[in-house]
Amino acid sequence: MQQIAFMTTNRKIIKFTIDGSKVIYYDDIWKDGIQIYPKDNNLIKRLRFSRKPNLQFMAALIMDANSGKDKEEYDLCKNNEIKLVEFIVRDAKSKGLLKV
């Protein structure tokens, strides 16, 4: 299990935990974490039907992360934890996050 921390442009710290092929996201709102990869369809369904906008927004982010190029890259490296860490770091840096 590996943990990676990043700082956003507004100085907010976010963390990712990689455990096998699971990637879990943590921040000040999601203190218990939320699974990003692999996609949990039941969780997405609950988030989408929530009346809270931040939950619906998180569902949209998870769906975006699990589609297109990101999904293809995840599928290529999901069996290798080191490559999965590299993928998360590369993706986060492409979105303007700084590794701490």
PDB file of N, CA and C in Angstrom:
ATOM      1  N   MET A   1       0.851  -1.178   0.000  1.00  0.00           N
ATOM      2  CA  MET A   1       0.000   0.000   0.000  1.00  0.00           C
ATOM      3  C   MET A   1       0.894   1.237   0.000  1.00  0.00           C
ATOM      4  N   GLN A   2       0.578   2.173  -0.877  1.00  0.00           N
ATOM      5  CA  GLN A   2       1.349   3.406  -0.982  1.00  0.00           C
ATOM      6  C   GLN A   2       0.410   4.602  -0.909  1.00  0.00           C
ATOM      7  N   GLN A   3       0.923   5.692  -0.344  1.00  0.00           N
ATOM      8  CA  GLN A   3       0.158   6.925  -0.268  1.00  0.00           C
ATOM      9  C   GLN A   3       0.922   8.037  -0.979  1.00  0.00           C
ATOM     10  N   ILE A   4       0.179   8.875  -1.697  1.00  0.00           N
ATOM     11  CA  ILE A   4       0.759  10.008  -2.402  1.00  0.00           C
ATOM     12  C   ILE A   4      -0.063  11.240  -2.021  1.00  0.00           C
ATOM     13  N   ALA A   5       0.616  12.341  -1.758  1.00  0.00           N
ATOM     14  CA  ALA A   5      -0.075  13.588  -1.406  1.00  0.00           C
ATOM     15  C   ALA A   5       0.249  14.651  -2.445  1.00  0.00           C
ATOM     16  N   PHE A   6      -0.740  15.498  -2.715  1.00  0.00           N
ATOM     17  CA  PHE A   6      -0.601  16.592  -3.666  1.00  0.00           C
ATOM     18  C   PHE A   6      -1.184  17.854  -3.060  1.00  0.00           C
ATOM     19  N   MET A   7      -0.724  19.006  -3.556  1.00  0.00           N
ATOM     20  CA  MET A   7      -1.288  20.287  -3.162  1.00  0.00           C
ATOM     21  C   MET A   7      -1.961  20.903  -4.383  1.00  0.00           C
ATOM     22  N   THR A   8      -3.178  21.365  -4.188  1.00  0.00           N
ATOM     23  CA  THR A   8      -3.904  22.013  -5.270  1.00  0.00           C
ATOM     24  C   THR A   8      -3.475  23.472  -5.369  1.00  0.00           C
ATOM     25  N   THR A   9      -3.989  24.159  -6.364  1.00  0.00           N
ATOM     26  CA  THR A   9      -3.612  25.561  -6.570  1.00  0.00           C
ATOM     27  C   THR A   9      -4.087  26.456  -5.430  1.00  0.00           C
ATOM     28  N   ASN A  10      -5.135  26.058  -4.722  1.00  0.00           N
ATOM     29  CA  ASN A  10      -5.600  26.858  -3.579  1.00  0.00           C
ATOM     30  C   ASN A  10      -5.059  26.319  -2.252  1.00  0.00           C
ATOM     31  N   ARG A  11      -3.919  25.605  -2.317  1.00  0.00           N
ATOM     32  CA  ARG A  11      -3.166  25.093  -1.168  1.00  0.00           C
ATOM     33  C   ARG A  11      -3.913  24.049  -0.354  1.00  0.00           C
ATOM     34  N   LYS A  12      -4.823  23.357  -0.959  1.00  0.00           N
ATOM     35  CA  LYS A  12      -5.551  22.264  -0.317  1.00  0.00           C
ATOM     36  C   LYS A  12      -4.759  20.970  -0.544  1.00  0.00           C
ATOM     37  N   ILE A  13      -4.627  20.160   0.486  1.00  0.00           N
ATOM     38  CA  ILE A  13      -3.902  18.893   0.380  1.00  0.00           C
ATOM     39  C   ILE A  13      -4.893  17.776   0.065  1.00  0.00           C
ATOM     40  N   ILE A  14      -4.575  17.001  -0.960  1.00  0.00           N
ATOM     41  CA  ILE A  14      -5.360  15.808  -1.284  1.00  0.00           C
ATOM     42  C   ILE A  14      -4.410  14.619  -1.297  1.00  0.00           C
ATOM     43  N   LYS A  15      -4.952  13.439  -0.995  1.00  0.00           N
ATOM     44  CA  LYS A  15      -4.125  12.236  -0.927  1.00  0.00           C
ATOM     45  C   LYS A  15      -4.775  11.109  -1.712  1.00  0.00           C
ATOM     46  N   PHE A  16      -3.926  10.244  -2.220  1.00  0.00           N
ATOM     47  CA  PHE A  16      -4.370   9.020  -2.870  1.00  0.00           C
ATOM     48  C   PHE A  16      -3.682   7.849  -2.184  1.00  0.00           C
ATOM     49  N   THR A  17      -4.445   6.808  -1.910  1.00  0.00           N
ATOM     50  CA  THR A  17      -3.887   5.568  -1.389  1.00  0.00           C
ATOM     51  C   THR A  17      -4.049   4.513  -2.463  1.00  0.00           C
ATOM     52  N   ILE A  18      -2.958   3.822  -2.763  1.00  0.00           N
ATOM     53  CA  ILE A  18      -2.989   2.756  -3.756  1.00  0.00           C
ATOM     54  C   ILE A  18      -2.758   1.446  -3.023  1.00  0.00           C
ATOM     55  N   ASP A  19      -3.757   0.587  -3.092  1.00  0.00           N
ATOM     56  CA  ASP A  19      -3.697  -0.710  -2.422  1.00  0.00           C
ATOM     57  C   ASP A  19      -4.065  -1.774  -3.448  1.00  0.00           C
ATOM     58  N   GLY A  20      -3.054  -2.438  -3.990  1.00  0.00           N
ATOM     59  CA  GLY A  20      -3.300  -3.390  -5.067  1.00  0.00           C
ATOM     60  C   GLY A  20      -3.740  -2.635  -6.301  1.00  0.00           C
ATOM     61  N   SER A  21      -4.953  -2.909  -6.767  1.00  0.00           N
ATOM     62  CA  SER A  21      -5.460  -2.199  -7.938  1.00  0.00           C
ATOM     63  C   SER A  21      -6.470  -1.115  -7.553  1.00  0.00           C
ATOM     64  N   LYS A  22      -6.705  -0.922  -6.257  1.00  0.00           N
ATOM     65  CA  LYS A  22      -7.648   0.107  -5.800  1.00  0.00           C
ATOM     66  C   LYS A  22      -6.941   1.427  -5.573  1.00  0.00           C
ATOM     67  N   VAL A  23      -7.583   2.499  -6.032  1.00  0.00           N
ATOM     68  CA  VAL A  23      -7.098   3.854  -5.784  1.00  0.00           C
ATOM     69  C   VAL A  23      -8.187   4.581  -5.012  1.00  0.00           C
ATOM     70  N   ILE A  24      -7.821   5.079  -3.820  1.00  0.00           N
ATOM     71  CA  ILE A  24      -8.776   5.753  -2.948  1.00  0.00           C
ATOM     72  C   ILE A  24      -8.334   7.196  -2.753  1.00  0.00           C
ATOM     73  N   TYR A  25      -9.280   8.119  -2.878  1.00  0.00           N
ATOM     74  CA  TYR A  25      -9.039   9.565  -2.805  1.00  0.00           C
ATOM     75  C   TYR A  25      -9.452  10.079  -1.429  1.00  0.00           C
ATOM     76  N   TYR A  26      -8.613  10.949  -0.833  1.00  0.00           N
ATOM     77  CA  TYR A  26      -8.901  11.577   0.458  1.00  0.00           C
ATOM     78  C   TYR A  26      -8.684  13.086   0.349  1.00  0.00           C
ATOM     79  N   ASP A  27      -9.520  13.851   1.019  1.00  0.00           N
ATOM     80  CA  ASP A  27      -9.296  15.286   1.207  1.00  0.00           C
ATOM     81  C   ASP A  27     -10.023  15.712   2.471  1.00  0.00           C
ATOM     82  N   ASP A  28     -10.167  17.016   2.693  1.00  0.00           N
ATOM     83  CA  ASP A  28     -10.801  17.476   3.930  1.00  0.00           C
ATOM     84  C   ASP A  28     -12.295  17.162   3.982  1.00  0.00           C
ATOM     85  N   ILE A  29     -12.929  16.980   2.845  1.00  0.00           N
ATOM     86  CA  ILE A  29     -14.347  16.607   2.814  1.00  0.00           C
ATOM     87  C   ILE A  29     -14.502  15.086   2.881  1.00  0.00           C
ATOM     88  N   TRP A  30     -13.679  14.374   2.134  1.00  0.00           N
ATOM     89  CA  TRP A  30     -13.734  12.908   2.067  1.00  0.00           C
ATOM     90  C   TRP A  30     -12.671  12.321   2.991  1.00  0.00           C
ATOM     91  N   LYS A  31     -12.846  12.510   4.293  1.00  0.00           N
ATOM     92  CA  LYS A  31     -11.867  12.049   5.272  1.00  0.00           C
ATOM     93  C   LYS A  31     -11.770  10.522   5.326  1.00  0.00           C
ATOM     94  N   ASP A  32     -12.867   9.839   5.063  1.00  0.00           N
ATOM     95  CA  ASP A  32     -12.860   8.373   5.063  1.00  0.00           C
ATOM     96  C   ASP A  32     -12.446   7.804   3.717  1.00  0.00           C
ATOM     97  N   GLY A  33     -12.319   8.663   2.713  1.00  0.00           N
ATOM     98  CA  GLY A  33     -11.888   8.240   1.387  1.00  0.00           C
ATOM     99  C   GLY A  33     -13.041   7.805   0.507  1.00  0.00           C
ATOM    100  N   ILE A  34     -12.780   7.867  -0.786  1.00  0.00           N
ATOM    101  CA  ILE A  34     -13.749   7.415  -1.780  1.00  0.00           C
ATOM    102  C   ILE A  34     -12.974   6.722  -2.902  1.00  0.00           C
ATOM    103  N   GLN A  35     -13.450   5.562  -3.290  1.00  0.00           N
ATOM    104  CA  GLN A  35     -12.750   4.759  -4.291  1.00  0.00           C
ATOM    105  C   GLN A  35     -12.934   5.350  -5.683  1.00  0.00           C
ATOM    106  N   ILE A  36     -11.790   5.629  -6.336  1.00  0.00           N
ATOM    107  CA  ILE A  36     -11.799   6.184  -7.686  1.00  0.00           C
ATOM    108  C   ILE A  36     -11.672   5.070  -8.725  1.00  0.00           C
ATOM    109  N   TYR A  37     -10.695   4.203  -8.528  1.00  0.00           N
ATOM    110  CA  TYR A  37     -10.462   3.055  -9.419  1.00  0.00           C
ATOM    111  C   TYR A  37     -10.497   1.783  -8.598  1.00  0.00           C
ATOM    112  N   PRO A  38     -10.957   0.673  -9.070  1.00  0.00           N
ATOM    113  CA  PRO A  38     -11.892   0.545 -10.176  1.00  0.00           C
ATOM    114  C   PRO A  38     -13.241   1.141  -9.799  1.00  0.00           C
ATOM    115  N   LYS A  39     -13.991   1.501 -10.786  1.00  0.00           N
ATOM    116  CA  LYS A  39     -15.275   2.178 -10.580  1.00  0.00           C
ATOM    117  C   LYS A  39     -16.242   1.256  -9.835  1.00  0.00           C
ATOM    118  N   ASP A  40     -16.855   1.786  -8.784  1.00  0.00           N
ATOM    119  CA  ASP A  40     -17.869   1.073  -8.013  1.00  0.00           C
ATOM    120  C   ASP A  40     -19.234   1.594  -8.464  1.00  0.00           C
ATOM    121  N   ASN A  41     -19.923   0.820  -9.284  1.00  0.00           N
ATOM    122  CA  ASN A  41     -21.187   1.278  -9.872  1.00  0.00           C
ATOM    123  C   ASN A  41     -22.254   1.592  -8.829  1.00  0.00           C
ATOM    124  N   ASN A  42     -22.302   0.823  -7.730  1.00  0.00           N
ATOM    125  CA  ASN A  42     -23.291   1.101  -6.687  1.00  0.00           C
ATOM    126  C   ASN A  42     -23.023   2.444  -6.016  1.00  0.00           C
ATOM    127  N   LEU A  43     -21.761   2.751  -5.786  1.00  0.00           N
ATOM    128  CA  LEU A  43     -21.395   4.036  -5.194  1.00  0.00           C
ATOM    129  C   LEU A  43     -21.760   5.184  -6.132  1.00  0.00           C
ATOM    130  N   ILE A  44     -21.453   5.037  -7.412  1.00  0.00           N
ATOM    131  CA  ILE A  44     -21.785   6.077  -8.396  1.00  0.00           C
ATOM    132  C   ILE A  44     -23.289   6.328  -8.408  1.00  0.00           C
ATOM    133  N   LYS A  45     -24.049   5.276  -8.368  1.00  0.00           N
ATOM    134  CA  LYS A  45     -25.511   5.403  -8.389  1.00  0.00           C
ATOM    135  C   LYS A  45     -26.004   6.177  -7.170  1.00  0.00           C
ATOM    136  N   ARG A  46     -25.462   5.856  -5.980  1.00  0.00           N
ATOM    137  CA  ARG A  46     -25.874   6.568  -4.756  1.00  0.00           C
ATOM    138  C   ARG A  46     -25.468   8.037  -4.815  1.00  0.00           C
ATOM    139  N   LEU A  47     -24.273   8.319  -5.331  1.00  0.00           N
ATOM    140  CA  LEU A  47     -23.815   9.707  -5.420  1.00  0.00           C
ATOM    141  C   LEU A  47     -24.656  10.519  -6.406  1.00  0.00           C
ATOM    142  N   ARG A  48     -24.973   9.911  -7.532  1.00  0.00           N
ATOM    143  CA  ARG A  48     -25.757  10.624  -8.554  1.00  0.00           C
ATOM    144  C   ARG A  48     -27.150  10.990  -8.075  1.00  0.00           C
ATOM    145  N   PHE A  49     -27.771  10.104  -7.282  1.00  0.00           N
ATOM    146  CA  PHE A  49     -29.133  10.357  -6.830  1.00  0.00           C
ATOM    147  C   PHE A  49     -29.193  11.179  -5.547  1.00  0.00           C
ATOM    148  N   SER A  50     -28.048  11.596  -5.055  1.00  0.00           N
ATOM    149  CA  SER A  50     -28.004  12.440  -3.869  1.00  0.00           C
ATOM    150  C   SER A  50     -28.509  13.838  -4.226  1.00  0.00           C
ATOM    151  N   ARG A  51     -29.047  14.517  -3.243  1.00  0.00           N
ATOM    152  CA  ARG A  51     -29.504  15.897  -3.468  1.00  0.00           C
ATOM    153  C   ARG A  51     -28.402  16.909  -3.209  1.00  0.00           C
ATOM    154  N   LYS A  52     -27.271  16.442  -2.716  1.00  0.00           N
ATOM    155  CA  LYS A  52     -26.158  17.346  -2.423  1.00  0.00           C
ATOM    156  C   LYS A  52     -25.301  17.521  -3.664  1.00  0.00           C
ATOM    157  N   PRO A  53     -25.077  18.755  -4.099  1.00  0.00           N
ATOM    158  CA  PRO A  53     -24.318  18.998  -5.336  1.00  0.00           C
ATOM    159  C   PRO A  53     -22.880  18.484  -5.289  1.00  0.00           C
ATOM    160  N   ASN A  54     -22.226  18.542  -4.111  1.00  0.00           N
ATOM    161  CA  ASN A  54     -20.846  18.076  -4.068  1.00  0.00           C
ATOM    162  C   ASN A  54     -20.750  16.561  -4.267  1.00  0.00           C
ATOM    163  N   LEU A  55     -21.772  15.814  -3.873  1.00  0.00           N
ATOM    164  CA  LEU A  55     -21.786  14.366  -4.109  1.00  0.00           C
ATOM    165  C   LEU A  55     -22.006  14.069  -5.589  1.00  0.00           C
ATOM    166  N   GLN A  56     -22.894  14.813  -6.222  1.00  0.00           N
ATOM    167  CA  GLN A  56     -23.127  14.638  -7.650  1.00  0.00           C
ATOM    168  C   GLN A  56     -21.881  15.007  -8.446  1.00  0.00           C
ATOM    169  N   PHE A  57     -21.167  16.045  -8.003  1.00  0.00           N
ATOM    170  CA  PHE A  57     -19.937  16.465  -8.656  1.00  0.00           C
ATOM    171  C   PHE A  57     -18.869  15.366  -8.536  1.00  0.00           C
ATOM    172  N   MET A  58     -18.769  14.734  -7.357  1.00  0.00           N
ATOM    173  CA  MET A  58     -17.789  13.656  -7.173  1.00  0.00           C
ATOM    174  C   MET A  58     -18.129  12.477  -8.079  1.00  0.00           C
ATOM    175  N   ALA A  59     -19.392  12.170  -8.264  1.00  0.00           N
ATOM    176  CA  ALA A  59     -19.791  11.095  -9.179  1.00  0.00           C
ATOM    177  C   ALA A  59     -19.344  11.419 -10.596  1.00  0.00           C
ATOM    178  N   ALA A  60     -19.499  12.669 -10.994  1.00  0.00           N
ATOM    179  CA  ALA A  60     -19.062  13.085 -12.335  1.00  0.00           C
ATOM    180  C   ALA A  60     -17.548  12.969 -12.477  1.00  0.00           C
ATOM    181  N   LEU A  61     -16.795  13.328 -11.440  1.00  0.00           N
ATOM    182  CA  LEU A  61     -15.336  13.206 -11.485  1.00  0.00           C
ATOM    183  C   LEU A  61     -14.893  11.747 -11.598  1.00  0.00           C
ATOM    184  N   ILE A  62     -15.543  10.868 -10.850  1.00  0.00           N
ATOM    185  CA  ILE A  62     -15.198   9.446 -10.908  1.00  0.00           C
ATOM    186  C   ILE A  62     -15.518   8.879 -12.286  1.00  0.00           C
ATOM    187  N   MET A  63     -16.656   9.261 -12.840  1.00  0.00           N
ATOM    188  CA  MET A  63     -17.025   8.791 -14.175  1.00  0.00           C
ATOM    189  C   MET A  63     -16.026   9.296 -15.224  1.00  0.00           C
ATOM    190  N   ASP A  64     -15.584  10.546 -15.085  1.00  0.00           N
ATOM    191  CA  ASP A  64     -14.605  11.101 -16.006  1.00  0.00           C
ATOM    192  C   ASP A  64     -13.275  10.361 -15.891  1.00  0.00           C
ATOM    193  N   ALA A  65     -12.867  10.046 -14.676  1.00  0.00           N
ATOM    194  CA  ALA A  65     -11.605   9.336 -14.467  1.00  0.00           C
ATOM    195  C   ALA A  65     -11.653   7.910 -15.021  1.00  0.00           C
ATOM    196  N   ASN A  66     -12.849   7.344 -15.085  1.00  0.00           N
ATOM    197  CA  ASN A  66     -13.005   5.970 -15.554  1.00  0.00           C
ATOM    198  C   ASN A  66     -13.464   5.894 -17.003  1.00  0.00           C
ATOM    199  N   SER A  67     -13.086   6.871 -17.797  1.00  0.00           N
ATOM    200  CA  SER A  67     -13.443   6.848 -19.217  1.00  0.00           C
ATOM    201  C   SER A  67     -12.268   7.342 -20.044  1.00  0.00           C
ATOM    202  N   GLY A  68     -12.284   7.006 -21.299  1.00  0.00           N
ATOM    203  CA  GLY A  68     -11.285   7.514 -22.236  1.00  0.00           C
ATOM    204  C   GLY A  68      -9.865   7.072 -21.952  1.00  0.00           C
ATOM    205  N   LYS A  69      -8.945   8.010 -22.120  1.00  0.00           N
ATOM    206  CA  LYS A  69      -7.517   7.721 -21.998  1.00  0.00           C
ATOM    207  C   LYS A  69      -7.133   7.293 -20.582  1.00  0.00           C
ATOM    208  N   ASP A  70      -7.735   7.936 -19.563  1.00  0.00           N
ATOM    209  CA  ASP A  70      -7.412   7.573 -18.183  1.00  0.00           C
ATOM    210  C   ASP A  70      -7.767   6.116 -17.896  1.00  0.00           C
ATOM    211  N   LYS A  71      -8.901   5.671 -18.378  1.00  0.00           N
ATOM    212  CA  LYS A  71      -9.323   4.279 -18.169  1.00  0.00           C
ATOM    213  C   LYS A  71      -8.373   3.314 -18.871  1.00  0.00           C
ATOM    214  N   GLU A  72      -7.958   3.662 -20.087  1.00  0.00           N
ATOM    215  CA  GLU A  72      -7.019   2.814 -20.832  1.00  0.00           C
ATOM    216  C   GLU A  72      -5.695   2.700 -20.092  1.00  0.00           C
ATOM    217  N   GLU A  73      -5.176   3.833 -19.586  1.00  0.00           N
ATOM    218  CA  GLU A  73      -3.909   3.812 -18.845  1.00  0.00           C
ATOM    219  C   GLU A  73      -4.044   3.015 -17.554  1.00  0.00           C
ATOM    220  N   TYR A  74      -5.185   3.183 -16.850  1.00  0.00           N
ATOM    221  CA  TYR A  74      -5.405   2.423 -15.618  1.00  0.00           C
ATOM    222  C   TYR A  74      -5.409   0.927 -15.918  1.00  0.00           C
ATOM    223  N   ASP A  75      -6.098   0.526 -16.978  1.00  0.00           N
ATOM    224  CA  ASP A  75      -6.165  -0.899 -17.328  1.00  0.00           C
ATOM    225  C   ASP A  75      -4.785  -1.471 -17.633  1.00  0.00           C
ATOM    226  N   LEU A  76      -3.895  -0.664 -18.206  1.00  0.00           N
ATOM    227  CA  LEU A  76      -2.542  -1.135 -18.524  1.00  0.00           C
ATOM    228  C   LEU A  76      -1.678  -1.320 -17.282  1.00  0.00           C
ATOM    229  N   CYS A  77      -1.912  -0.521 -16.251  1.00  0.00           N
ATOM    230  CA  CYS A  77      -1.016  -0.583 -15.095  1.00  0.00           C
ATOM    231  C   CYS A  77      -1.684  -1.042 -13.806  1.00  0.00           C
ATOM    232  N   LYS A  78      -2.918  -1.519 -13.848  1.00  0.00           N
ATOM    233  CA  LYS A  78      -3.620  -1.873 -12.616  1.00  0.00           C
ATOM    234  C   LYS A  78      -3.027  -3.086 -11.895  1.00  0.00           C
ATOM    235  N   ASN A  79      -2.254  -3.906 -12.589  1.00  0.00           N
ATOM    236  CA  ASN A  79      -1.665  -5.084 -11.959  1.00  0.00           C
ATOM    237  C   ASN A  79      -0.292  -4.804 -11.365  1.00  0.00           C
ATOM    238  N   ASN A  80       0.224  -3.600 -11.531  1.00  0.00           N
ATOM    239  CA  ASN A  80       1.544  -3.236 -11.037  1.00  0.00           C
ATOM    240  C   ASN A  80       1.408  -1.950 -10.210  1.00  0.00           C
ATOM    241  N   GLU A  81       1.582  -2.069  -8.893  1.00  0.00           N
ATOM    242  CA  GLU A  81       1.362  -0.936  -8.002  1.00  0.00           C
ATOM    243  C   GLU A  81       2.302   0.229  -8.296  1.00  0.00           C
ATOM    244  N   ILE A  82       3.540  -0.051  -8.660  1.00  0.00           N
ATOM    245  CA  ILE A  82       4.503   1.011  -8.957  1.00  0.00           C
ATOM    246  C   ILE A  82       4.081   1.789 -10.200  1.00  0.00           C
ATOM    247  N   LYS A  83       3.654   1.085 -11.241  1.00  0.00           N
ATOM    248  CA  LYS A  83       3.179   1.762 -12.448  1.00  0.00           C
ATOM    249  C   LYS A  83       1.899   2.540 -12.171  1.00  0.00           C
ATOM    250  N   LEU A  84       1.083   2.020 -11.273  1.00  0.00           N
ATOM    251  CA  LEU A  84      -0.153   2.709 -10.908  1.00  0.00           C
ATOM    252  C   LEU A  84       0.161   4.023 -10.183  1.00  0.00           C
ATOM    253  N   VAL A  85       1.171   4.009  -9.318  1.00  0.00           N
ATOM    254  CA  VAL A  85       1.606   5.241  -8.648  1.00  0.00           C
ATOM    255  C   VAL A  85       2.106   6.246  -9.686  1.00  0.00           C
ATOM    256  N   GLU A  86       2.904   5.779 -10.631  1.00  0.00           N
ATOM    257  CA  GLU A  86       3.409   6.667 -11.687  1.00  0.00           C
ATOM    258  C   GLU A  86       2.262   7.265 -12.493  1.00  0.00           C
ATOM    259  N   PHE A  87       1.248   6.457 -12.779  1.00  0.00           N
ATOM    260  CA  PHE A  87       0.081   6.938 -13.527  1.00  0.00           C
ATOM    261  C   PHE A  87      -0.646   8.034 -12.746  1.00  0.00           C
ATOM    262  N   ILE A  88      -0.863   7.822 -11.446  1.00  0.00           N
ATOM    263  CA  ILE A  88      -1.565   8.814 -10.624  1.00  0.00           C
ATOM    264  C   ILE A  88      -0.762  10.110 -10.557  1.00  0.00           C
ATOM    265  N   VAL A  89       0.562  10.001 -10.364  1.00  0.00           N
ATOM    266  CA  VAL A  89       1.412  11.194 -10.294  1.00  0.00           C
ATOM    267  C   VAL A  89       1.377  11.960 -11.618  1.00  0.00           C
ATOM    268  N   ARG A  90       1.514  11.245 -12.723  1.00  0.00           N
ATOM    269  CA  ARG A  90       1.501  11.883 -14.048  1.00  0.00           C
ATOM    270  C   ARG A  90       0.155  12.565 -14.310  1.00  0.00           C
ATOM    271  N   ASP A  91      -0.930  11.904 -13.965  1.00  0.00           N
ATOM    272  CA  ASP A  91      -2.261  12.461 -14.188  1.00  0.00           C
ATOM    273  C   ASP A  91      -2.490  13.689 -13.307  1.00  0.00           C
ATOM    274  N   ALA A  92      -2.071  13.620 -12.052  1.00  0.00           N
ATOM    275  CA  ALA A  92      -2.250  14.747 -11.137  1.00  0.00           C
ATOM    276  C   ALA A  92      -1.430  15.957 -11.592  1.00  0.00           C
ATOM    277  N   LYS A  93      -0.193  15.705 -12.015  1.00  0.00           N
ATOM    278  CA  LYS A  93       0.648  16.813 -12.484  1.00  0.00           C
ATOM    279  C   LYS A  93       0.077  17.447 -13.747  1.00  0.00           C
ATOM    280  N   SER A  94      -0.542  16.640 -14.608  1.00  0.00           N
ATOM    281  CA  SER A  94      -1.154  17.197 -15.815  1.00  0.00           C
ATOM    282  C   SER A  94      -2.343  18.087 -15.504  1.00  0.00           C
ATOM    283  N   LYS A  95      -2.920  17.900 -14.310  1.00  0.00           N
ATOM    284  CA  LYS A  95      -4.055  18.726 -13.879  1.00  0.00           C
ATOM    285  C   LYS A  95      -3.624  19.878 -12.997  1.00  0.00           C
ATOM    286  N   GLY A  96      -2.297  20.107 -12.883  1.00  0.00           N
ATOM    287  CA  GLY A  96      -1.782  21.258 -12.161  1.00  0.00           C
ATOM    288  C   GLY A  96      -1.534  21.049 -10.687  1.00  0.00           C
ATOM    289  N   LEU A  97      -1.525  19.822 -10.212  1.00  0.00           N
ATOM    290  CA  LEU A  97      -1.270  19.557  -8.798  1.00  0.00           C
ATOM    291  C   LEU A  97       0.221  19.399  -8.566  1.00  0.00           C
ATOM    292  N   LEU A  98       0.676  19.782  -7.371  1.00  0.00           N
ATOM    293  CA  LEU A  98       2.079  19.649  -6.981  1.00  0.00           C
ATOM    294  C   LEU A  98       2.232  18.495  -6.005  1.00  0.00           C
ATOM    295  N   LYS A  99       3.190  17.624  -6.251  1.00  0.00           N
ATOM    296  CA  LYS A  99       3.424  16.499  -5.342  1.00  0.00           C
ATOM    297  C   LYS A  99       4.142  17.009  -4.101  1.00  0.00           C
ATOM    298  N   VAL A 100       3.653  16.603  -2.927  1.00  0.00           N
ATOM    299  CA  VAL A 100       4.294  16.986  -1.652  1.00  0.00           C
ATOM    300  C   VAL A 100       4.820  15.771  -0.941  1.00  0.00           C
TER     301      VAL A 100
END
